[in-house]
Structure formats: structure tokens, C-alpha cells
Amino acid sequence: MDRFIYLPEHRVLICKLCTYAVPPTYLRTHLKGHRNQIPGLNSAGAISALEKELRELPLIDPSQETVKFPSPDTMALPGLPVQEGLQCKQCRYITCSKAWMQQHLQSHRPARQARGRPRKTAERITGPQAEDQTLWGKVHCQRFFVSGPQSRFFQVAPLLEPAVDRINCIRAQVYEQIRQCEQAEERSSQVITTLRDYSEANPWLDKTRWRDYTQGYTFTELAALAYMPDPVQEPVLQLWTESLDAVVNQAIRSVSDHRVNAFDLARINSFIDDAY
């Protein structure tokens, strides 16, 4: 029973899962459809036991009896969704569809004469100068049954949200925005960008273009790249590393032994001077 709400004044049983009333003729079918959502309802015996318990309530059959609908000033009933509906000002008919309301208004318009020119009263009501918005108004509404007999909407008083709840809601939204901003700032501080920090003397990074290679990586990811390759699991990468070391060492020896001509040496020195 904790999954249902029984309204004794109206004799209807509201399912909390689907937020609508369940007619007694569809009770067993409804329970079978929710056997995976309701704990302990995974067998035919459990379904029959719960059905027997619910049928002990004096449930009204909308196909056999007239349902007692609440008055328009009644607060919204628990378990049923509150919707914004359109109400006809002539017969109090309620619908949530503007197209259905416009179709309903046709029943209130005078019929044309069988012969000859229509009456002026009919022209005045059906003409383009008559706006449908003047014939209906907006209301808050609910309904017991989603389809079938007596599944019409009925008007209810809107739910008044306490001022304290609104304040708490606004406060929670502000805190959530602050939390998201702090998380975004923390993430950005952990990722390398191309923006140059002029408070640091790092022209060598610009010369070697390390910023272009490291852009978008976090410091944690870059730290993992500092480890030397594993000769067993990464033999190709190990070979590349040894080859690069050999090239660099050969270049250093060539410069140290003055085996580089003066023009190339001046060019190398210009790189070093520009870097610092």
C-alpha cells in the first residue's frame, strides 16, 4: 500500500509510480505492469495478495458509477500532477490542448440558417473579430484517470509554495553556480594552455615550442611521460630514445671538438643567445 494513495472522499486509488488513479477493472493488469518497480511483487502469488488487499477498499468503477469530483477551490489532490489547463467560460469544460479547446468552442456557436444568408449574430460570433482567448481562461487542473470513462479534467486551487522554500531554492541554485565555477577554475589551473606567463623567464619554451606540444594535457599526465620507456614492454620507444641520445651526443662532441665550421657555430650561438 505504500505505493498507492487512497482518497476515501472520491473512492479512487492513485498509483504513485504513474501518478494517476487505477480503475478496479484494470487493477491486476496494472500490478503486473509494475511488478519490476514494486518490491516483493515478482511472483503471481504476490500480485494476487496485493490485489486482494487493494480490492477490500471501496473503489469506484468509473464505467458504472459517477465519480465525485472536487470543487474548483479545493487544493490540489496528492499524487496527481497539476497541469495548466484551458477552461471554457460557458460550460466549464477543461482541456490542456488549445486545438481541443478551439474545436470545443464550435459547439457553442449558433448554427447557420438552412437557406440564404447567415444571421448577423452567427457572423458576429464566428467571424475573425471574435478571439478565442475571450471565450476561455487559464486554470490549474488535475484528473483522476488518464483515459476511459470520466477521465475529464477538474479545476483545483494552485499550490502556494512557501516563501521559505523559494528562498532555499534560490540559495541552493547560487551555491550550485559557485561550486561549478570553482570546479571549472580548478580544472583550468591543472591544464597547460598556450597563454604565456610574462612573470616567468621562459623564452626557451617559446623557442622549442613545448607549449604547443603540451597544450591540453594536465600536469599529472605530463609527469607520467617523464619515465623512461620499459625495454621489455616498449622496445620500439626504447630504440627511439637510444637513437635520439646518440644523435645529441654526437652533436655535442662535434661542437666540443670544433669540427663545426665558424658559420654553423655562429648560427648555433645565435639560437642560444636568443633563448636567454
C-alpha atoms as a PDB file:
ATOM      1  CA  MET A   1       0.000   0.000   0.000  1.00  0.00           C
ATOM      2  CA  ASP A   2       2.975   2.353   0.330  1.00  0.00           C
ATOM      3  CA  ARG A   3       2.999   2.640  -3.468  1.00  0.00           C
ATOM      4  CA  PHE A   4      -0.613   3.832  -3.592  1.00  0.00           C
ATOM      5  CA  ILE A   5      -2.698   6.693  -2.200  1.00  0.00           C
ATOM      6  CA  TYR A   6      -6.349   6.080  -1.417  1.00  0.00           C
ATOM      7  CA  LEU A   7      -8.706   9.074  -1.398  1.00  0.00           C
ATOM      8  CA  PRO A   8     -11.780   7.949   0.569  1.00  0.00           C
ATOM      9  CA  GLU A   9     -13.857  11.012  -0.317  1.00  0.00           C
ATOM     10  CA  HIS A  10     -13.571  10.231  -4.021  1.00  0.00           C
ATOM     11  CA  ARG A  11     -13.063   6.444  -3.653  1.00  0.00           C
ATOM     12  CA  VAL A  12     -10.126   6.364  -6.043  1.00  0.00           C
ATOM     13  CA  LEU A  13      -6.753   4.633  -5.735  1.00  0.00           C
ATOM     14  CA  ILE A  14      -3.796   6.641  -7.038  1.00  0.00           C
ATOM     15  CA  CYS A  15      -0.593   4.913  -8.102  1.00  0.00           C
ATOM     16  CA  LYS A  16       2.495   6.874  -7.038  1.00  0.00           C
ATOM     17  CA  LEU A  17       4.542   5.462  -9.906  1.00  0.00           C
ATOM     18  CA  CYS A  18       2.286   6.552 -12.777  1.00  0.00           C
ATOM     19  CA  THR A  19       0.596   9.433 -10.833  1.00  0.00           C
ATOM     20  CA  TYR A  20      -2.938   8.518 -11.897  1.00  0.00           C
ATOM     21  CA  ALA A  21      -5.900   6.635 -10.453  1.00  0.00           C
ATOM     22  CA  VAL A  22      -6.314   2.955 -11.251  1.00  0.00           C
ATOM     23  CA  PRO A  23      -9.837   1.687 -12.083  1.00  0.00           C
ATOM     24  CA  PRO A  24     -10.691  -1.551 -10.245  1.00  0.00           C
ATOM     25  CA  THR A  25     -11.243  -3.350 -13.551  1.00  0.00           C
ATOM     26  CA  TYR A  26      -7.576  -2.744 -14.517  1.00  0.00           C
ATOM     27  CA  LEU A  27      -6.087  -3.336 -11.083  1.00  0.00           C
ATOM     28  CA  ARG A  28      -4.466  -6.714 -11.769  1.00  0.00           C
ATOM     29  CA  THR A  29      -3.148  -5.619 -15.163  1.00  0.00           C
ATOM     30  CA  HIS A  30      -1.698  -2.514 -13.542  1.00  0.00           C
ATOM     31  CA  LEU A  31       0.084  -4.529 -10.849  1.00  0.00           C
ATOM     32  CA  LYS A  32       1.586  -6.864 -13.441  1.00  0.00           C
ATOM     33  CA  GLY A  33       2.919  -3.872 -15.363  1.00  0.00           C
ATOM     34  CA  HIS A  34       4.717  -2.563 -12.250  1.00  0.00           C
ATOM     35  CA  ARG A  35       5.982  -5.882 -10.867  1.00  0.00           C
ATOM     36  CA  ASN A  36       9.583  -4.809 -11.526  1.00  0.00           C
ATOM     37  CA  GLN A  37       9.157  -1.416  -9.839  1.00  0.00           C
ATOM     38  CA  ILE A  38       7.322  -2.568  -6.706  1.00  0.00           C
ATOM     39  CA  PRO A  39       9.499  -4.588  -4.276  1.00  0.00           C
ATOM     40  CA  GLY A  40       8.219  -8.061  -3.461  1.00  0.00           C
ATOM     41  CA  LEU A  41       5.881  -8.175  -6.454  1.00  0.00           C
ATOM     42  CA  ASN A  42       7.897 -10.601  -8.551  1.00  0.00           C
ATOM     43  CA  SER A  43       5.525 -13.564  -8.391  1.00  0.00           C
ATOM     44  CA  ALA A  44       1.928 -14.310  -9.284  1.00  0.00           C
ATOM     45  CA  GLY A  45       1.128 -15.078  -5.656  1.00  0.00           C
ATOM     46  CA  ALA A  46       2.428 -11.690  -4.503  1.00  0.00           C
ATOM     47  CA  ILE A  47       0.400  -9.922  -7.181  1.00  0.00           C
ATOM     48  CA  SER A  48      -2.761 -11.782  -6.157  1.00  0.00           C
ATOM     49  CA  ALA A  49      -2.191 -10.992  -2.482  1.00  0.00           C
ATOM     50  CA  LEU A  50      -1.740  -7.269  -3.114  1.00  0.00           C
ATOM     51  CA  GLU A  51      -4.708  -7.229  -5.478  1.00  0.00           C
ATOM     52  CA  LYS A  52      -6.887  -8.837  -2.810  1.00  0.00           C
ATOM     53  CA  GLU A  53      -5.755  -6.261  -0.257  1.00  0.00           C
ATOM     54  CA  LEU A  54      -6.499  -3.340  -2.579  1.00  0.00           C
ATOM     55  CA  ARG A  55      -9.896  -4.699  -3.602  1.00  0.00           C
ATOM     56  CA  GLU A  56     -11.007  -4.558   0.006  1.00  0.00           C
ATOM     57  CA  LEU A  57     -11.146  -0.788  -0.449  1.00  0.00           C
ATOM     58  CA  PRO A  58     -14.493   0.596  -1.716  1.00  0.00           C
ATOM     59  CA  LEU A  59     -13.053   1.615  -5.084  1.00  0.00           C
ATOM     60  CA  ILE A  60     -15.377   3.330  -7.532  1.00  0.00           C
ATOM     61  CA  ASP A  61     -15.793   1.955 -11.043  1.00  0.00           C
ATOM     62  CA  PRO A  62     -15.930   4.964 -13.411  1.00  0.00           C
ATOM     63  CA  SER A  63     -17.726   2.887 -16.025  1.00  0.00           C
ATOM     64  CA  GLN A  64     -20.577   2.076 -13.615  1.00  0.00           C
ATOM     65  CA  GLU A  65     -20.789   4.966 -11.125  1.00  0.00           C
ATOM     66  CA  THR A  66     -20.441   8.739 -11.155  1.00  0.00           C
ATOM     67  CA  VAL A  67     -17.149   9.942  -9.743  1.00  0.00           C
ATOM     68  CA  LYS A  68     -17.317  12.722  -7.174  1.00  0.00           C
ATOM     69  CA  PHE A  69     -15.052  15.468  -8.457  1.00  0.00           C
ATOM     70  CA  PRO A  70     -13.677  18.132  -6.092  1.00  0.00           C
ATOM     71  CA  SER A  71     -14.889  21.733  -6.142  1.00  0.00           C
ATOM     72  CA  PRO A  72     -12.797  24.328  -8.037  1.00  0.00           C
ATOM     73  CA  ASP A  73     -11.497  25.904  -4.816  1.00  0.00           C
ATOM     74  CA  THR A  74     -10.141  22.597  -3.499  1.00  0.00           C
ATOM     75  CA  MET A  75      -6.401  22.360  -3.032  1.00  0.00           C
ATOM     76  CA  ALA A  76      -4.582  20.058  -5.426  1.00  0.00           C
ATOM     77  CA  LEU A  77      -5.055  16.399  -4.537  1.00  0.00           C
ATOM     78  CA  PRO A  78      -1.936  14.422  -3.530  1.00  0.00           C
ATOM     79  CA  GLY A  79      -0.410  12.018  -6.007  1.00  0.00           C
ATOM     80  CA  LEU A  80      -1.883  13.664  -9.114  1.00  0.00           C
ATOM     81  CA  PRO A  81       0.117  16.036 -11.349  1.00  0.00           C
ATOM     82  CA  VAL A  82      -1.063  19.650 -11.512  1.00  0.00           C
ATOM     83  CA  GLN A  83      -1.288  20.980 -15.062  1.00  0.00           C
ATOM     84  CA  GLU A  84      -2.070  24.339 -16.623  1.00  0.00           C
ATOM     85  CA  GLY A  85      -5.343  23.912 -18.478  1.00  0.00           C
ATOM     86  CA  LEU A  86      -7.810  25.929 -20.537  1.00  0.00           C
ATOM     87  CA  GLN A  87     -11.389  26.282 -19.273  1.00  0.00           C
ATOM     88  CA  CYS A  88     -14.399  27.218 -21.382  1.00  0.00           C
ATOM     89  CA  LYS A  89     -16.234  30.182 -19.831  1.00  0.00           C
ATOM     90  CA  GLN A  90     -19.615  28.935 -20.983  1.00  0.00           C
ATOM     91  CA  CYS A  91     -19.729  25.319 -19.824  1.00  0.00           C
ATOM     92  CA  ARG A  92     -16.595  24.975 -17.610  1.00  0.00           C
ATOM     93  CA  TYR A  93     -15.105  22.360 -19.947  1.00  0.00           C
ATOM     94  CA  ILE A  94     -11.353  21.954 -19.307  1.00  0.00           C
ATOM     95  CA  THR A  95      -8.605  20.731 -21.612  1.00  0.00           C
ATOM     96  CA  CYS A  96      -4.834  21.134 -21.818  1.00  0.00           C
ATOM     97  CA  SER A  97      -4.805  21.453 -25.606  1.00  0.00           C
ATOM     98  CA  LYS A  98      -5.565  24.709 -27.390  1.00  0.00           C
ATOM     99  CA  ALA A  99      -6.599  22.782 -30.503  1.00  0.00           C
ATOM    100  CA  TRP A 100      -9.148  20.775 -28.498  1.00  0.00           C
ATOM    101  CA  MET A 101     -10.473  23.987 -26.935  1.00  0.00           C
ATOM    102  CA  GLN A 102     -10.953  25.627 -30.326  1.00  0.00           C
ATOM    103  CA  GLN A 103     -12.779  22.530 -31.519  1.00  0.00           C
ATOM    104  CA  HIS A 104     -14.946  22.546 -28.381  1.00  0.00           C
ATOM    105  CA  LEU A 105     -15.932  26.184 -28.922  1.00  0.00           C
ATOM    106  CA  GLN A 106     -17.582  25.197 -32.189  1.00  0.00           C
ATOM    107  CA  SER A 107     -20.344  23.529 -30.161  1.00  0.00           C
ATOM    108  CA  HIS A 108     -21.286  26.899 -28.622  1.00  0.00           C
ATOM    109  CA  ARG A 109     -21.539  28.788 -31.901  1.00  0.00           C
ATOM    110  CA  PRO A 110     -25.009  29.241 -33.438  1.00  0.00           C
ATOM    111  CA  ALA A 111     -25.787  27.109 -36.479  1.00  0.00           C
ATOM    112  CA  ARG A 112     -26.278  28.797 -39.829  1.00  0.00           C
ATOM    113  CA  GLN A 113     -29.700  29.004 -41.441  1.00  0.00           C
ATOM    114  CA  ALA A 114     -30.564  26.253 -43.873  1.00  0.00           C
ATOM    115  CA  ARG A 115     -31.034  28.734 -46.715  1.00  0.00           C
ATOM    116  CA  GLY A 116     -29.957  32.216 -47.513  1.00  0.00           C
ATOM    117  CA  ARG A 117     -27.525  34.483 -45.778  1.00  0.00           C
ATOM    118  CA  PRO A 118     -26.428  33.510 -42.237  1.00  0.00           C
ATOM    119  CA  ARG A 119     -27.792  35.537 -39.369  1.00  0.00           C
ATOM    120  CA  LYS A 120     -25.720  38.505 -38.261  1.00  0.00           C
ATOM    121  CA  THR A 121     -25.421  37.028 -34.788  1.00  0.00           C
ATOM    122  CA  ALA A 122     -23.809  33.926 -36.215  1.00  0.00           C
ATOM    123  CA  GLU A 123     -21.453  36.023 -38.345  1.00  0.00           C
ATOM    124  CA  ARG A 124     -20.531  38.092 -35.352  1.00  0.00           C
ATOM    125  CA  ILE A 125     -19.604  35.038 -33.260  1.00  0.00           C
ATOM    126  CA  THR A 126     -17.816  33.044 -35.936  1.00  0.00           C
ATOM    127  CA  GLY A 127     -16.151  35.964 -37.712  1.00  0.00           C
ATOM    128  CA  PRO A 128     -12.473  36.796 -37.416  1.00  0.00           C
ATOM    129  CA  GLN A 129     -13.231  39.607 -34.978  1.00  0.00           C
ATOM    130  CA  ALA A 130     -14.112  37.026 -32.288  1.00  0.00           C
ATOM    131  CA  GLU A 131     -10.935  35.965 -30.447  1.00  0.00           C
ATOM    132  CA  ASP A 132     -10.971  32.526 -28.846  1.00  0.00           C
ATOM    133  CA  GLN A 133      -8.982  33.883 -25.889  1.00  0.00           C
ATOM    134  CA  THR A 134     -12.065  35.815 -24.767  1.00  0.00           C
ATOM    135  CA  LEU A 135     -14.065  32.576 -24.527  1.00  0.00           C
ATOM    136  CA  TRP A 136     -11.727  30.599 -22.301  1.00  0.00           C
ATOM    137  CA  GLY A 137      -9.371  31.190 -19.385  1.00  0.00           C
ATOM    138  CA  LYS A 138      -6.336  29.510 -17.852  1.00  0.00           C
ATOM    139  CA  VAL A 139      -6.762  27.333 -14.751  1.00  0.00           C
ATOM    140  CA  HIS A 140      -4.851  24.733 -12.749  1.00  0.00           C
ATOM    141  CA  CYS A 141      -6.316  21.296 -13.221  1.00  0.00           C
ATOM    142  CA  GLN A 142      -5.941  17.600 -12.443  1.00  0.00           C
ATOM    143  CA  ARG A 143      -7.669  14.405 -13.455  1.00  0.00           C
ATOM    144  CA  PHE A 144      -8.125  11.006 -11.868  1.00  0.00           C
ATOM    145  CA  PHE A 145      -7.989   8.694 -14.889  1.00  0.00           C
ATOM    146  CA  VAL A 146      -5.692   9.086 -17.863  1.00  0.00           C
ATOM    147  CA  SER A 147      -8.255   7.595 -20.267  1.00  0.00           C
ATOM    148  CA  GLY A 148     -11.643   5.936 -20.363  1.00  0.00           C
ATOM    149  CA  PRO A 149     -14.935   6.995 -18.744  1.00  0.00           C
ATOM    150  CA  GLN A 150     -14.874  10.135 -16.600  1.00  0.00           C
ATOM    151  CA  SER A 151     -11.259  10.924 -17.429  1.00  0.00           C
ATOM    152  CA  ARG A 152     -12.025  14.640 -17.718  1.00  0.00           C
ATOM    153  CA  PHE A 153     -10.001  17.380 -16.058  1.00  0.00           C
ATOM    154  CA  PHE A 154     -11.256  19.250 -12.988  1.00  0.00           C
ATOM    155  CA  GLN A 155     -10.150  22.610 -11.642  1.00  0.00           C
ATOM    156  CA  VAL A 156      -8.144  22.901  -8.422  1.00  0.00           C
ATOM    157  CA  ALA A 157      -6.577  25.740  -6.481  1.00  0.00           C
ATOM    158  CA  PRO A 158      -2.889  26.287  -7.321  1.00  0.00           C
ATOM    159  CA  LEU A 159      -0.272  25.097  -4.881  1.00  0.00           C
ATOM    160  CA  LEU A 160       1.185  28.011  -2.940  1.00  0.00           C
ATOM    161  CA  GLU A 161       4.899  27.491  -2.423  1.00  0.00           C
ATOM    162  CA  PRO A 162       6.050  28.848   0.952  1.00  0.00           C
ATOM    163  CA  ALA A 163       8.392  31.823   0.815  1.00  0.00           C
ATOM    164  CA  VAL A 164      10.978  29.907   2.832  1.00  0.00           C
ATOM    165  CA  ASP A 165      11.083  27.145   0.234  1.00  0.00           C
ATOM    166  CA  ARG A 166      11.623  29.682  -2.539  1.00  0.00           C
ATOM    167  CA  ILE A 167      14.482  31.276  -0.613  1.00  0.00           C
ATOM    168  CA  ASN A 168      16.094  27.887  -0.019  1.00  0.00           C
ATOM    169  CA  CYS A 169      15.694  27.041  -3.688  1.00  0.00           C
ATOM    170  CA  ILE A 170      17.380  30.284  -4.761  1.00  0.00           C
ATOM    171  CA  ARG A 171      20.158  29.782  -2.216  1.00  0.00           C
ATOM    172  CA  ALA A 172      20.751  26.239  -3.481  1.00  0.00           C
ATOM    173  CA  GLN A 173      20.953  27.487  -7.073  1.00  0.00           C
ATOM    174  CA  VAL A 174      23.503  30.158  -6.105  1.00  0.00           C
ATOM    175  CA  TYR A 175      25.632  27.610  -4.239  1.00  0.00           C
ATOM    176  CA  GLU A 176      25.492  25.286  -7.229  1.00  0.00           C
ATOM    177  CA  GLN A 177      26.679  28.052  -9.559  1.00  0.00           C
ATOM    178  CA  ILE A 178      29.558  28.874  -7.193  1.00  0.00           C
ATOM    179  CA  ARG A 179      30.529  25.203  -6.990  1.00  0.00           C
ATOM    180  CA  GLN A 180      30.556  24.860 -10.786  1.00  0.00           C
ATOM    181  CA  CYS A 181      32.706  27.991 -11.154  1.00  0.00           C
ATOM    182  CA  GLU A 182      35.192  26.701  -8.581  1.00  0.00           C
ATOM    183  CA  GLN A 183      35.412  23.331 -10.316  1.00  0.00           C
ATOM    184  CA  ALA A 184      35.948  24.987 -13.704  1.00  0.00           C
ATOM    185  CA  GLU A 185      38.700  27.191 -12.270  1.00  0.00           C
ATOM    186  CA  GLU A 186      40.390  24.204 -10.648  1.00  0.00           C
ATOM    187  CA  ARG A 187      40.296  22.219 -13.888  1.00  0.00           C
ATOM    188  CA  SER A 188      41.736  25.124 -15.873  1.00  0.00           C
ATOM    189  CA  SER A 189      44.600  25.531 -13.399  1.00  0.00           C
ATOM    190  CA  GLN A 190      45.607  21.901 -13.961  1.00  0.00           C
ATOM    191  CA  VAL A 191      45.740  22.121 -17.755  1.00  0.00           C
ATOM    192  CA  ILE A 192      48.560  23.732 -19.743  1.00  0.00           C
ATOM    193  CA  THR A 193      47.408  26.460 -22.115  1.00  0.00           C
ATOM    194  CA  THR A 194      49.183  28.498 -24.807  1.00  0.00           C
ATOM    195  CA  LEU A 195      48.913  31.736 -22.839  1.00  0.00           C
ATOM    196  CA  ARG A 196      52.365  32.940 -21.874  1.00  0.00           C
ATOM    197  CA  ASP A 197      53.007  33.940 -18.285  1.00  0.00           C
ATOM    198  CA  TYR A 198      55.188  37.038 -18.528  1.00  0.00           C
ATOM    199  CA  SER A 199      56.059  36.839 -14.826  1.00  0.00           C
ATOM    200  CA  GLU A 200      58.359  33.898 -15.587  1.00  0.00           C
ATOM    201  CA  ALA A 201      61.524  33.967 -17.696  1.00  0.00           C
ATOM    202  CA  ASN A 202      60.794  31.068 -20.028  1.00  0.00           C
ATOM    203  CA  PRO A 203      61.690  32.154 -23.589  1.00  0.00           C
ATOM    204  CA  TRP A 204      63.249  28.727 -24.155  1.00  0.00           C
ATOM    205  CA  LEU A 205      59.759  27.205 -24.032  1.00  0.00           C
ATOM    206  CA  ASP A 206      58.740  29.504 -26.861  1.00  0.00           C
ATOM    207  CA  LYS A 207      61.867  28.663 -28.829  1.00  0.00           C
ATOM    208  CA  THR A 208      61.379  24.892 -28.501  1.00  0.00           C
ATOM    209  CA  ARG A 209      57.580  25.189 -28.882  1.00  0.00           C
ATOM    210  CA  TRP A 210      56.988  22.952 -25.897  1.00  0.00           C
ATOM    211  CA  ARG A 211      53.759  24.839 -25.210  1.00  0.00           C
ATOM    212  CA  ASP A 212      52.317  23.631 -28.499  1.00  0.00           C
ATOM    213  CA  TYR A 213      53.128  20.015 -27.632  1.00  0.00           C
ATOM    214  CA  THR A 214      51.902  20.134 -24.036  1.00  0.00           C
ATOM    215  CA  GLN A 215      48.742  22.145 -24.631  1.00  0.00           C
ATOM    216  CA  GLY A 216      45.643  20.442 -23.228  1.00  0.00           C
ATOM    217  CA  TYR A 217      47.491  17.966 -21.007  1.00  0.00           C
ATOM    218  CA  THR A 218      47.305  18.047 -17.234  1.00  0.00           C
ATOM    219  CA  PHE A 219      50.424  18.130 -15.085  1.00  0.00           C
ATOM    220  CA  THR A 220      49.634  14.612 -13.891  1.00  0.00           C
ATOM    221  CA  GLU A 221      49.596  13.313 -17.460  1.00  0.00           C
ATOM    222  CA  LEU A 222      52.864  15.060 -18.288  1.00  0.00           C
ATOM    223  CA  ALA A 223      54.535  13.674 -15.177  1.00  0.00           C
ATOM    224  CA  ALA A 224      53.899  10.147 -16.440  1.00  0.00           C
ATOM    225  CA  LEU A 225      55.799  10.989 -19.650  1.00  0.00           C
ATOM    226  CA  ALA A 226      58.982  11.697 -17.662  1.00  0.00           C
ATOM    227  CA  TYR A 227      59.569   7.990 -17.038  1.00  0.00           C
ATOM    228  CA  MET A 228      61.998   6.208 -19.345  1.00  0.00           C
ATOM    229  CA  PRO A 229      60.491   3.550 -21.608  1.00  0.00           C
ATOM    230  CA  ASP A 230      60.418  -0.067 -20.498  1.00  0.00           C
ATOM    231  CA  PRO A 231      62.777  -2.112 -22.731  1.00  0.00           C
ATOM    232  CA  VAL A 232      60.537  -5.183 -22.394  1.00  0.00           C
ATOM    233  CA  GLN A 233      57.105  -3.654 -22.919  1.00  0.00           C
ATOM    234  CA  GLU A 234      58.161  -0.694 -25.089  1.00  0.00           C
ATOM    235  CA  PRO A 235      61.114  -1.892 -27.224  1.00  0.00           C
ATOM    236  CA  VAL A 236      60.396   0.455 -30.134  1.00  0.00           C
ATOM    237  CA  LEU A 237      60.181   3.506 -27.883  1.00  0.00           C
ATOM    238  CA  GLN A 238      63.391   2.397 -26.171  1.00  0.00           C
ATOM    239  CA  LEU A 239      65.142   2.217 -29.554  1.00  0.00           C
ATOM    240  CA  TRP A 240      63.943   5.721 -30.456  1.00  0.00           C
ATOM    241  CA  THR A 241      65.236   7.055 -27.135  1.00  0.00           C
ATOM    242  CA  GLU A 242      68.685   5.497 -27.598  1.00  0.00           C
ATOM    243  CA  SER A 243      68.878   6.799 -31.168  1.00  0.00           C
ATOM    244  CA  LEU A 244      67.977  10.317 -30.054  1.00  0.00           C
ATOM    245  CA  ASP A 245      70.596  10.184 -27.297  1.00  0.00           C
ATOM    246  CA  ALA A 246      73.195   9.086 -29.838  1.00  0.00           C
ATOM    247  CA  VAL A 247      72.362  11.985 -32.165  1.00  0.00           C
ATOM    248  CA  VAL A 248      72.530  14.529 -29.330  1.00  0.00           C
ATOM    249  CA  ASN A 249      75.827  13.144 -28.012  1.00  0.00           C
ATOM    250  CA  GLN A 250      77.342  13.179 -31.490  1.00  0.00           C
ATOM    251  CA  ALA A 251      76.283  16.795 -31.948  1.00  0.00           C
ATOM    252  CA  ILE A 252      77.814  17.796 -28.610  1.00  0.00           C
ATOM    253  CA  ARG A 253      81.123  16.109 -29.480  1.00  0.00           C
ATOM    254  CA  SER A 254      81.210  17.789 -32.863  1.00  0.00           C
ATOM    255  CA  VAL A 255      80.811  21.211 -31.293  1.00  0.00           C
ATOM    256  CA  SER A 256      83.254  20.488 -28.454  1.00  0.00           C
ATOM    257  CA  ASP A 257      85.940  19.223 -30.853  1.00  0.00           C
ATOM    258  CA  HIS A 258      85.494  22.294 -33.072  1.00  0.00           C
ATOM    259  CA  ARG A 259      84.562  20.126 -36.028  1.00  0.00           C
ATOM    260  CA  VAL A 260      81.805  22.592 -36.919  1.00  0.00           C
ATOM    261  CA  ASN A 261      82.744  25.460 -39.204  1.00  0.00           C
ATOM    262  CA  ALA A 262      82.591  29.030 -37.982  1.00  0.00           C
ATOM    263  CA  PHE A 263      79.383  29.899 -39.816  1.00  0.00           C
ATOM    264  CA  ASP A 264      77.426  26.966 -38.318  1.00  0.00           C
ATOM    265  CA  LEU A 265      78.857  27.651 -34.880  1.00  0.00           C
ATOM    266  CA  ALA A 266      77.768  31.284 -35.093  1.00  0.00           C
ATOM    267  CA  ARG A 267      74.299  30.127 -36.077  1.00  0.00           C
ATOM    268  CA  ILE A 268      74.133  27.785 -33.059  1.00  0.00           C
ATOM    269  CA  ASN A 269      75.308  30.523 -30.738  1.00  0.00           C
ATOM    270  CA  SER A 270      72.611  32.843 -32.085  1.00  0.00           C
ATOM    271  CA  PHE A 271      69.961  30.313 -31.017  1.00  0.00           C
ATOM    272  CA  ILE A 272      71.436  30.114 -27.541  1.00  0.00           C
ATOM    273  CA  ASP A 273      71.701  33.888 -27.207  1.00  0.00           C
ATOM    274  CA  ASP A 274      68.088  34.367 -28.328  1.00  0.00           C
ATOM    275  CA  ALA A 275      66.921  31.765 -25.857  1.00  0.00           C
ATOM    276  CA  TYR A 276      68.348  33.675 -22.917  1.00  0.00           C
END
